[in-house]
Amino acid sequence: MGVPRNATEAAALLGVPVDAAEGVVEERFRRLAQVFHPDLNPGVASCGERMQELNAARELLAGGRRPAEVVITRPERREEAEGQAPARQRSKKDEERLRRVMHEMPYGIYIVGSRREEEPNGMIADWVMQVSFRPRLLAVSFENDAYSLENVRRHNVFTVNLLPQGAMELGALFLQPRDGAKIAGRSAAAAATVHEKLAGAAYRLTERGCPVLEGALTWAECAAERFVSAGDHTLVIGEVLDGEVLQATGALTSVETGWVYGG
């Protein structure tokens, strides 16, 4: 996202409602600062950029700025082309109400492994779920421009690593996008940075070349079966080929981390 330009972008960056109380904003800011503060990440230049973005978001929300009164959602849908109901206009109040509903949905914290030729890669993901018993199928939602989605399209295989409770430090390794340029508004140096997220994690590769994290709670390897367009994301449905439970503990979720991907 880069440095937020208005309250809407600031709220999305912090993962809070636009009209969140000051205490809520401060709590989210402190939690994220514990992950990204440069003093806690010596030598990681991108963390300095991230803290600038977080500070700007905090100041914008404290300043009371608000987005335009009317938000047009779902601007283009296949149903409209087929003569069905047009996109609905919602007031700012209604749009924010629905965003907050989605914001409260809890998710597990997963690291999705993939490969590009012989190079493994990992990305953090929340929107993962089982969708069939026979055969066992998992669905993972990827942003349409995700580096990992392109990897899965190339090789039709991926791993899903569910993180255990308390593994926020491991999960934080994967919060940055691989390509720094994906976040608008960053400096030229930060935009040119490539984050090799697996460099800080202990892992092994499956026979198909996808990473399995040693610190995971569980892992599963899947063969991609279908790619389904879903707005600004793509659902990849994969058949589970292999997997294992590595630890006897609970799962790390967005309730524990405060990392919100939804709204």
C-alpha atoms as a PDB file:
ATOM      1  CA  MET A   1       0.000   0.000   0.000  1.00  0.00           C
ATOM      2  CA  GLY A   2       2.824   2.447   0.780  1.00  0.00           C
ATOM      3  CA  VAL A   3       2.384   5.613   2.839  1.00  0.00           C
ATOM      4  CA  PRO A   4      -1.399   6.020   3.290  1.00  0.00           C
ATOM      5  CA  ARG A   5      -2.959   9.085   1.695  1.00  0.00           C
ATOM      6  CA  ASN A   6      -6.282   9.129   3.528  1.00  0.00           C
ATOM      7  CA  ALA A   7      -8.114   7.596   6.463  1.00  0.00           C
ATOM      8  CA  THR A   8      -9.426   4.683   4.393  1.00  0.00           C
ATOM      9  CA  GLU A   9      -5.913   3.598   3.413  1.00  0.00           C
ATOM     10  CA  ALA A  10      -4.662   4.232   6.954  1.00  0.00           C
ATOM     11  CA  ALA A  11      -7.383   2.029   8.437  1.00  0.00           C
ATOM     12  CA  ALA A  12      -6.650  -0.753   5.928  1.00  0.00           C
ATOM     13  CA  LEU A  13      -2.945  -0.607   6.748  1.00  0.00           C
ATOM     14  CA  LEU A  14      -3.536  -0.874  10.495  1.00  0.00           C
ATOM     15  CA  GLY A  15      -6.441  -3.305  10.147  1.00  0.00           C
ATOM     16  CA  VAL A  16      -8.959  -1.215  12.097  1.00  0.00           C
ATOM     17  CA  PRO A  17     -12.279   0.488  11.251  1.00  0.00           C
ATOM     18  CA  VAL A  18     -12.022   4.010   9.851  1.00  0.00           C
ATOM     19  CA  ASP A  19     -13.883   5.331  12.899  1.00  0.00           C
ATOM     20  CA  ALA A  20     -11.973   3.199  15.400  1.00  0.00           C
ATOM     21  CA  ALA A  21     -11.521   4.668  18.864  1.00  0.00           C
ATOM     22  CA  GLU A  22      -8.140   6.170  19.690  1.00  0.00           C
ATOM     23  CA  GLY A  23      -7.344   3.310  22.046  1.00  0.00           C
ATOM     24  CA  VAL A  24      -8.014   0.715  19.336  1.00  0.00           C
ATOM     25  CA  VAL A  25      -5.753   2.544  16.882  1.00  0.00           C
ATOM     26  CA  GLU A  26      -2.985   2.814  19.470  1.00  0.00           C
ATOM     27  CA  GLU A  27      -3.194  -0.864  20.386  1.00  0.00           C
ATOM     28  CA  ARG A  28      -2.969  -1.987  16.751  1.00  0.00           C
ATOM     29  CA  PHE A  29      -0.105   0.438  16.127  1.00  0.00           C
ATOM     30  CA  ARG A  30       1.842  -0.905  19.112  1.00  0.00           C
ATOM     31  CA  ARG A  31       1.342  -4.522  18.067  1.00  0.00           C
ATOM     32  CA  LEU A  32       2.565  -3.865  14.539  1.00  0.00           C
ATOM     33  CA  ALA A  33       5.458  -1.749  15.801  1.00  0.00           C
ATOM     34  CA  GLN A  34       6.608  -4.736  17.865  1.00  0.00           C
ATOM     35  CA  VAL A  35       6.994  -6.636  14.598  1.00  0.00           C
ATOM     36  CA  PHE A  36       8.417  -3.957  12.291  1.00  0.00           C
ATOM     37  CA  HIS A  37      10.371  -1.496  14.458  1.00  0.00           C
ATOM     38  CA  PRO A  38      13.901  -1.056  12.992  1.00  0.00           C
ATOM     39  CA  ASP A  39      15.482  -1.474  16.435  1.00  0.00           C
ATOM     40  CA  LEU A  40      14.056  -4.997  16.536  1.00  0.00           C
ATOM     41  CA  ASN A  41      15.133  -5.745  12.959  1.00  0.00           C
ATOM     42  CA  PRO A  42      18.717  -4.485  12.567  1.00  0.00           C
ATOM     43  CA  GLY A  43      19.899  -4.513   8.981  1.00  0.00           C
ATOM     44  CA  VAL A  44      16.381  -4.883   7.506  1.00  0.00           C
ATOM     45  CA  ALA A  45      15.885  -1.633   5.576  1.00  0.00           C
ATOM     46  CA  SER A  46      12.274  -2.425   4.661  1.00  0.00           C
ATOM     47  CA  CYS A  47      11.276  -2.280   8.328  1.00  0.00           C
ATOM     48  CA  GLY A  48      12.170   1.401   8.430  1.00  0.00           C
ATOM     49  CA  GLU A  49       9.887   1.982   5.454  1.00  0.00           C
ATOM     50  CA  ARG A  50       7.127   0.004   7.117  1.00  0.00           C
ATOM     51  CA  MET A  51       7.364   2.023  10.332  1.00  0.00           C
ATOM     52  CA  GLN A  52       7.047   5.251   8.322  1.00  0.00           C
ATOM     53  CA  GLU A  53       3.847   3.885   6.811  1.00  0.00           C
ATOM     54  CA  LEU A  54       2.513   2.850  10.212  1.00  0.00           C
ATOM     55  CA  ASN A  55       3.339   6.230  11.760  1.00  0.00           C
ATOM     56  CA  ALA A  56       1.585   8.016   8.906  1.00  0.00           C
ATOM     57  CA  ALA A  57      -1.475   5.796   9.300  1.00  0.00           C
ATOM     58  CA  ARG A  58      -1.617   6.490  13.017  1.00  0.00           C
ATOM     59  CA  GLU A  59      -1.432  10.250  12.455  1.00  0.00           C
ATOM     60  CA  LEU A  60      -4.096  10.211   9.737  1.00  0.00           C
ATOM     61  CA  LEU A  61      -6.609   8.391  11.905  1.00  0.00           C
ATOM     62  CA  ALA A  62      -5.852  10.635  14.859  1.00  0.00           C
ATOM     63  CA  GLY A  63      -6.430  13.646  12.589  1.00  0.00           C
ATOM     64  CA  GLY A  64     -10.045  12.660  11.976  1.00  0.00           C
ATOM     65  CA  ARG A  65      -9.917  12.617   8.175  1.00  0.00           C
ATOM     66  CA  ARG A  66     -12.663  10.627   6.482  1.00  0.00           C
ATOM     67  CA  PRO A  67     -13.210   9.266   2.941  1.00  0.00           C
ATOM     68  CA  ALA A  68     -15.891  10.419   0.538  1.00  0.00           C
ATOM     69  CA  GLU A  69     -19.496   9.958   1.587  1.00  0.00           C
ATOM     70  CA  VAL A  70     -20.458   7.434  -1.089  1.00  0.00           C
ATOM     71  CA  VAL A  71     -18.484   4.334  -2.059  1.00  0.00           C
ATOM     72  CA  ILE A  72     -19.362   2.340  -5.168  1.00  0.00           C
ATOM     73  CA  THR A  73     -18.637  -1.331  -4.612  1.00  0.00           C
ATOM     74  CA  ARG A  74     -18.349  -4.202  -7.095  1.00  0.00           C
ATOM     75  CA  PRO A  75     -17.912  -1.826 -10.079  1.00  0.00           C
ATOM     76  CA  GLU A  76     -17.800  -4.585 -12.673  1.00  0.00           C
ATOM     77  CA  ARG A  77     -19.361  -8.019 -12.340  1.00  0.00           C
ATOM     78  CA  ARG A  78     -20.187 -10.722 -14.808  1.00  0.00           C
ATOM     79  CA  GLU A  79     -23.822 -10.671 -13.673  1.00  0.00           C
ATOM     80  CA  GLU A  80     -24.213  -7.099 -14.904  1.00  0.00           C
ATOM     81  CA  ALA A  81     -23.053  -8.080 -18.367  1.00  0.00           C
ATOM     82  CA  GLU A  82     -25.653 -10.830 -18.296  1.00  0.00           C
ATOM     83  CA  GLY A  83     -28.458  -8.394 -17.471  1.00  0.00           C
ATOM     84  CA  GLN A  84     -28.638  -9.055 -13.740  1.00  0.00           C
ATOM     85  CA  ALA A  85     -28.641  -6.527 -10.897  1.00  0.00           C
ATOM     86  CA  PRO A  86     -26.162  -3.642 -11.310  1.00  0.00           C
ATOM     87  CA  ALA A  87     -23.472  -2.814  -8.783  1.00  0.00           C
ATOM     88  CA  ARG A  88     -24.963  -1.330  -5.628  1.00  0.00           C
ATOM     89  CA  GLN A  89     -24.130   2.101  -4.310  1.00  0.00           C
ATOM     90  CA  ARG A  90     -23.657   2.186  -0.546  1.00  0.00           C
ATOM     91  CA  SER A  91     -23.247   5.061   1.829  1.00  0.00           C
ATOM     92  CA  LYS A  92     -20.017   5.390   3.724  1.00  0.00           C
ATOM     93  CA  LYS A  93     -21.830   4.228   6.852  1.00  0.00           C
ATOM     94  CA  ASP A  94     -23.184   1.078   5.209  1.00  0.00           C
ATOM     95  CA  GLU A  95     -19.862   0.280   3.548  1.00  0.00           C
ATOM     96  CA  GLU A  96     -18.021   0.630   6.824  1.00  0.00           C
ATOM     97  CA  ARG A  97     -20.599  -1.536   8.605  1.00  0.00           C
ATOM     98  CA  LEU A  98     -20.038  -4.385   6.123  1.00  0.00           C
ATOM     99  CA  ARG A  99     -16.284  -3.957   6.233  1.00  0.00           C
ATOM    100  CA  ARG A 100     -16.359  -4.328  10.007  1.00  0.00           C
ATOM    101  CA  VAL A 101     -18.426  -7.506   9.703  1.00  0.00           C
ATOM    102  CA  MET A 102     -15.751  -9.046   7.470  1.00  0.00           C
ATOM    103  CA  HIS A 103     -13.006  -7.626   9.673  1.00  0.00           C
ATOM    104  CA  GLU A 104     -14.168  -9.744  12.639  1.00  0.00           C
ATOM    105  CA  MET A 105     -13.929 -13.095  10.834  1.00  0.00           C
ATOM    106  CA  PRO A 106     -11.039 -15.105  12.349  1.00  0.00           C
ATOM    107  CA  TYR A 107      -8.525 -16.985  10.224  1.00  0.00           C
ATOM    108  CA  GLY A 108      -5.590 -19.307  10.678  1.00  0.00           C
ATOM    109  CA  ILE A 109      -2.123 -18.057   9.750  1.00  0.00           C
ATOM    110  CA  TYR A 110      -0.649 -20.122   6.919  1.00  0.00           C
ATOM    111  CA  ILE A 111       2.544 -20.024   4.892  1.00  0.00           C
ATOM    112  CA  VAL A 112       1.887 -21.181   1.342  1.00  0.00           C
ATOM    113  CA  GLY A 113       4.986 -22.659  -0.278  1.00  0.00           C
ATOM    114  CA  SER A 114       5.638 -22.750  -4.005  1.00  0.00           C
ATOM    115  CA  ARG A 115       8.564 -22.831  -6.386  1.00  0.00           C
ATOM    116  CA  ARG A 116       9.733 -21.125  -9.531  1.00  0.00           C
ATOM    117  CA  GLU A 117      11.911 -23.591 -11.401  1.00  0.00           C
ATOM    118  CA  GLU A 118      14.276 -24.706  -8.597  1.00  0.00           C
ATOM    119  CA  GLU A 119      13.779 -21.654  -6.356  1.00  0.00           C
ATOM    120  CA  PRO A 120      11.385 -22.141  -3.405  1.00  0.00           C
ATOM    121  CA  ASN A 121       9.167 -19.335  -2.152  1.00  0.00           C
ATOM    122  CA  GLY A 122       6.775 -18.704   0.720  1.00  0.00           C
ATOM    123  CA  MET A 123       3.899 -16.271   1.264  1.00  0.00           C
ATOM    124  CA  ILE A 124       1.651 -15.603   4.225  1.00  0.00           C
ATOM    125  CA  ALA A 125      -2.038 -16.399   3.697  1.00  0.00           C
ATOM    126  CA  ASP A 126      -5.244 -16.309   5.730  1.00  0.00           C
ATOM    127  CA  TRP A 127      -7.915 -17.386   3.259  1.00  0.00           C
ATOM    128  CA  VAL A 128      -7.358 -21.160   3.273  1.00  0.00           C
ATOM    129  CA  MET A 129      -9.963 -23.877   3.819  1.00  0.00           C
ATOM    130  CA  GLN A 130     -10.880 -27.493   3.069  1.00  0.00           C
ATOM    131  CA  VAL A 131     -13.667 -27.722   0.477  1.00  0.00           C
ATOM    132  CA  SER A 132     -14.095 -31.475  -0.132  1.00  0.00           C
ATOM    133  CA  PHE A 133     -13.658 -34.846   1.601  1.00  0.00           C
ATOM    134  CA  ARG A 134     -13.493 -37.077  -1.502  1.00  0.00           C
ATOM    135  CA  PRO A 135     -11.132 -36.193  -2.892  1.00  0.00           C
ATOM    136  CA  ARG A 136      -9.554 -34.073  -0.180  1.00  0.00           C
ATOM    137  CA  LEU A 137      -9.415 -30.565  -1.625  1.00  0.00           C
ATOM    138  CA  LEU A 138      -8.044 -27.321  -0.212  1.00  0.00           C
ATOM    139  CA  ALA A 139      -8.821 -23.844  -1.550  1.00  0.00           C
ATOM    140  CA  VAL A 140      -6.320 -20.988  -1.215  1.00  0.00           C
ATOM    141  CA  SER A 141      -7.130 -17.412  -2.229  1.00  0.00           C
ATOM    142  CA  PHE A 142      -4.291 -15.479  -3.900  1.00  0.00           C
ATOM    143  CA  GLU A 143      -4.172 -11.833  -4.939  1.00  0.00           C
ATOM    144  CA  ASN A 144      -4.334 -11.752  -8.721  1.00  0.00           C
ATOM    145  CA  ASP A 145      -0.847 -10.238  -9.025  1.00  0.00           C
ATOM    146  CA  ALA A 146       0.779 -12.512  -6.421  1.00  0.00           C
ATOM    147  CA  TYR A 147       4.210 -13.898  -7.260  1.00  0.00           C
ATOM    148  CA  SER A 148       3.164 -17.184  -5.646  1.00  0.00           C
ATOM    149  CA  LEU A 149       0.078 -17.472  -7.836  1.00  0.00           C
ATOM    150  CA  GLU A 150       2.268 -17.291 -10.922  1.00  0.00           C
ATOM    151  CA  ASN A 151       4.492 -20.000  -9.409  1.00  0.00           C
ATOM    152  CA  VAL A 152       1.512 -22.298  -8.848  1.00  0.00           C
ATOM    153  CA  ARG A 153       0.267 -21.693 -12.392  1.00  0.00           C
ATOM    154  CA  ARG A 154       3.691 -22.721 -13.710  1.00  0.00           C
ATOM    155  CA  HIS A 155       4.171 -25.876 -11.659  1.00  0.00           C
ATOM    156  CA  ASN A 156       0.674 -26.816 -10.405  1.00  0.00           C
ATOM    157  CA  VAL A 157       1.884 -27.674  -6.920  1.00  0.00           C
ATOM    158  CA  PHE A 158       2.002 -25.893  -3.560  1.00  0.00           C
ATOM    159  CA  THR A 159       2.319 -26.546   0.163  1.00  0.00           C
ATOM    160  CA  VAL A 160       0.187 -25.144   2.998  1.00  0.00           C
ATOM    161  CA  ASN A 161       1.985 -24.744   6.344  1.00  0.00           C
ATOM    162  CA  LEU A 162      -0.271 -23.946   9.313  1.00  0.00           C
ATOM    163  CA  LEU A 163       1.654 -22.082  12.026  1.00  0.00           C
ATOM    164  CA  PRO A 164       1.391 -23.042  15.712  1.00  0.00           C
ATOM    165  CA  GLN A 165       0.406 -20.778  18.581  1.00  0.00           C
ATOM    166  CA  GLY A 166       3.151 -18.375  19.558  1.00  0.00           C
ATOM    167  CA  ALA A 167       4.851 -18.445  16.131  1.00  0.00           C
ATOM    168  CA  MET A 168       4.382 -14.725  15.399  1.00  0.00           C
ATOM    169  CA  GLU A 169       8.122 -14.247  14.886  1.00  0.00           C
ATOM    170  CA  LEU A 170       8.142 -16.956  12.221  1.00  0.00           C
ATOM    171  CA  GLY A 171       5.030 -15.551  10.576  1.00  0.00           C
ATOM    172  CA  ALA A 172       6.478 -12.030  10.577  1.00  0.00           C
ATOM    173  CA  LEU A 173       9.240 -13.178   8.199  1.00  0.00           C
ATOM    174  CA  PHE A 174       6.591 -13.491   5.489  1.00  0.00           C
ATOM    175  CA  LEU A 175       4.606 -10.265   5.993  1.00  0.00           C
ATOM    176  CA  GLN A 176       6.499  -8.284   3.359  1.00  0.00           C
ATOM    177  CA  PRO A 177       5.720  -8.963  -0.323  1.00  0.00           C
ATOM    178  CA  ARG A 178       8.574 -10.585  -2.236  1.00  0.00           C
ATOM    179  CA  ASP A 179       8.911  -7.614  -4.568  1.00  0.00           C
ATOM    180  CA  GLY A 180       9.219  -4.307  -2.742  1.00  0.00           C
ATOM    181  CA  ALA A 181       7.702  -2.470  -5.708  1.00  0.00           C
ATOM    182  CA  LYS A 182       4.343  -4.115  -5.008  1.00  0.00           C
ATOM    183  CA  ILE A 183       3.740  -1.568  -2.234  1.00  0.00           C
ATOM    184  CA  ALA A 184       3.182   1.848  -3.795  1.00  0.00           C
ATOM    185  CA  GLY A 185       4.838   4.950  -2.399  1.00  0.00           C
ATOM    186  CA  ARG A 186       8.103   3.392  -1.277  1.00  0.00           C
ATOM    187  CA  SER A 187      11.511   4.829  -2.083  1.00  0.00           C
ATOM    188  CA  ALA A 188      13.357   3.643  -5.185  1.00  0.00           C
ATOM    189  CA  ALA A 189      15.723   1.578  -3.041  1.00  0.00           C
ATOM    190  CA  ALA A 190      12.913  -0.093  -1.112  1.00  0.00           C
ATOM    191  CA  ALA A 191      10.908  -0.707  -4.289  1.00  0.00           C
ATOM    192  CA  ALA A 192      13.904  -2.475  -5.826  1.00  0.00           C
ATOM    193  CA  THR A 193      14.305  -4.775  -2.812  1.00  0.00           C
ATOM    194  CA  VAL A 194      13.549  -8.471  -3.247  1.00  0.00           C
ATOM    195  CA  HIS A 195      12.595 -10.119   0.047  1.00  0.00           C
ATOM    196  CA  GLU A 196      13.863 -13.688   0.212  1.00  0.00           C
ATOM    197  CA  LYS A 197      11.476 -14.598   3.020  1.00  0.00           C
ATOM    198  CA  LEU A 198      12.593 -18.198   3.405  1.00  0.00           C
ATOM    199  CA  ALA A 199      16.149 -17.054   4.142  1.00  0.00           C
ATOM    200  CA  GLY A 200      15.262 -16.590   7.805  1.00  0.00           C
ATOM    201  CA  ALA A 201      13.261 -19.793   8.208  1.00  0.00           C
ATOM    202  CA  ALA A 202      14.268 -23.432   8.711  1.00  0.00           C
ATOM    203  CA  TYR A 203      12.648 -25.592   6.062  1.00  0.00           C
ATOM    204  CA  ARG A 204      13.012 -28.604   3.817  1.00  0.00           C
ATOM    205  CA  LEU A 205      11.743 -29.270   0.318  1.00  0.00           C
ATOM    206  CA  THR A 206       9.277 -31.944  -0.707  1.00  0.00           C
ATOM    207  CA  GLU A 207      10.042 -34.218  -3.618  1.00  0.00           C
ATOM    208  CA  ARG A 208       8.072 -31.769  -5.767  1.00  0.00           C
ATOM    209  CA  GLY A 209      10.253 -28.859  -4.654  1.00  0.00           C
ATOM    210  CA  CYS A 210       7.915 -26.936  -2.335  1.00  0.00           C
ATOM    211  CA  PRO A 211       8.976 -25.818   1.156  1.00  0.00           C
ATOM    212  CA  VAL A 212       7.815 -27.346   4.423  1.00  0.00           C
ATOM    213  CA  LEU A 213       8.603 -25.212   7.483  1.00  0.00           C
ATOM    214  CA  GLU A 214      10.233 -27.023  10.384  1.00  0.00           C
ATOM    215  CA  GLY A 215       8.332 -24.743  12.748  1.00  0.00           C
ATOM    216  CA  ALA A 216       4.904 -25.507  11.279  1.00  0.00           C
ATOM    217  CA  LEU A 217       2.069 -27.107  13.200  1.00  0.00           C
ATOM    218  CA  THR A 218       0.919 -29.056  10.143  1.00  0.00           C
ATOM    219  CA  TRP A 219       1.695 -29.105   6.463  1.00  0.00           C
ATOM    220  CA  ALA A 220      -0.035 -30.391   3.362  1.00  0.00           C
ATOM    221  CA  GLU A 221       1.153 -30.582  -0.234  1.00  0.00           C
ATOM    222  CA  CYS A 222      -1.426 -30.090  -2.963  1.00  0.00           C
ATOM    223  CA  ALA A 223      -1.679 -30.497  -6.714  1.00  0.00           C
ATOM    224  CA  ALA A 224      -3.479 -27.510  -8.220  1.00  0.00           C
ATOM    225  CA  GLU A 225      -6.671 -28.677  -9.910  1.00  0.00           C
ATOM    226  CA  ARG A 226      -8.616 -25.497 -10.688  1.00  0.00           C
ATOM    227  CA  PHE A 227      -8.053 -21.739 -10.862  1.00  0.00           C
ATOM    228  CA  VAL A 228     -11.240 -19.773 -10.200  1.00  0.00           C
ATOM    229  CA  SER A 229     -11.453 -16.006 -10.708  1.00  0.00           C
ATOM    230  CA  ALA A 230     -12.903 -14.302  -7.608  1.00  0.00           C
ATOM    231  CA  GLY A 231     -12.833 -10.514  -7.952  1.00  0.00           C
ATOM    232  CA  ASP A 232      -9.390  -9.181  -7.074  1.00  0.00           C
ATOM    233  CA  HIS A 233      -8.293 -12.681  -6.005  1.00  0.00           C
ATOM    234  CA  THR A 234      -7.983 -16.116  -7.594  1.00  0.00           C
ATOM    235  CA  LEU A 235      -9.058 -19.273  -5.805  1.00  0.00           C
ATOM    236  CA  VAL A 236      -6.702 -22.187  -6.351  1.00  0.00           C
ATOM    237  CA  ILE A 237      -8.286 -25.536  -5.528  1.00  0.00           C
ATOM    238  CA  GLY A 238      -5.776 -28.305  -4.951  1.00  0.00           C
ATOM    239  CA  GLU A 239      -5.965 -31.999  -4.131  1.00  0.00           C
ATOM    240  CA  VAL A 240      -4.063 -32.971  -1.000  1.00  0.00           C
ATOM    241  CA  LEU A 241      -1.218 -35.310  -1.940  1.00  0.00           C
ATOM    242  CA  ASP A 242       0.716 -35.569   1.317  1.00  0.00           C
ATOM    243  CA  GLY A 243       1.001 -33.972   4.740  1.00  0.00           C
ATOM    244  CA  GLU A 244       1.846 -34.376   8.399  1.00  0.00           C
ATOM    245  CA  VAL A 245       1.143 -33.039  11.892  1.00  0.00           C
ATOM    246  CA  LEU A 246       4.475 -31.821  13.299  1.00  0.00           C
ATOM    247  CA  GLN A 247       3.492 -30.469  16.726  1.00  0.00           C
ATOM    248  CA  ALA A 248       0.918 -31.169  19.434  1.00  0.00           C
ATOM    249  CA  THR A 249      -0.383 -27.677  20.103  1.00  0.00           C
ATOM    250  CA  GLY A 250      -3.016 -25.228  18.894  1.00  0.00           C
ATOM    251  CA  ALA A 251      -3.005 -23.162  15.714  1.00  0.00           C
ATOM    252  CA  LEU A 252      -1.890 -19.547  15.375  1.00  0.00           C
ATOM    253  CA  THR A 253      -4.842 -17.394  14.321  1.00  0.00           C
ATOM    254  CA  SER A 254      -5.619 -13.764  13.581  1.00  0.00           C
ATOM    255  CA  VAL A 255      -7.204 -13.560  17.049  1.00  0.00           C
ATOM    256  CA  GLU A 256      -3.769 -13.995  18.599  1.00  0.00           C
ATOM    257  CA  THR A 257      -1.719 -11.988  16.103  1.00  0.00           C
ATOM    258  CA  GLY A 258      -4.091  -9.095  15.430  1.00  0.00           C
ATOM    259  CA  TRP A 259      -3.036  -9.330  11.772  1.00  0.00           C
ATOM    260  CA  VAL A 260      -6.222  -8.722   9.824  1.00  0.00           C
ATOM    261  CA  TYR A 261      -6.713  -9.642   6.177  1.00  0.00           C
ATOM    262  CA  GLY A 262     -10.326  -8.871   5.450  1.00  0.00           C
ATOM    263  CA  GLY A 263     -12.848  -6.098   5.307  1.00  0.00           C
END
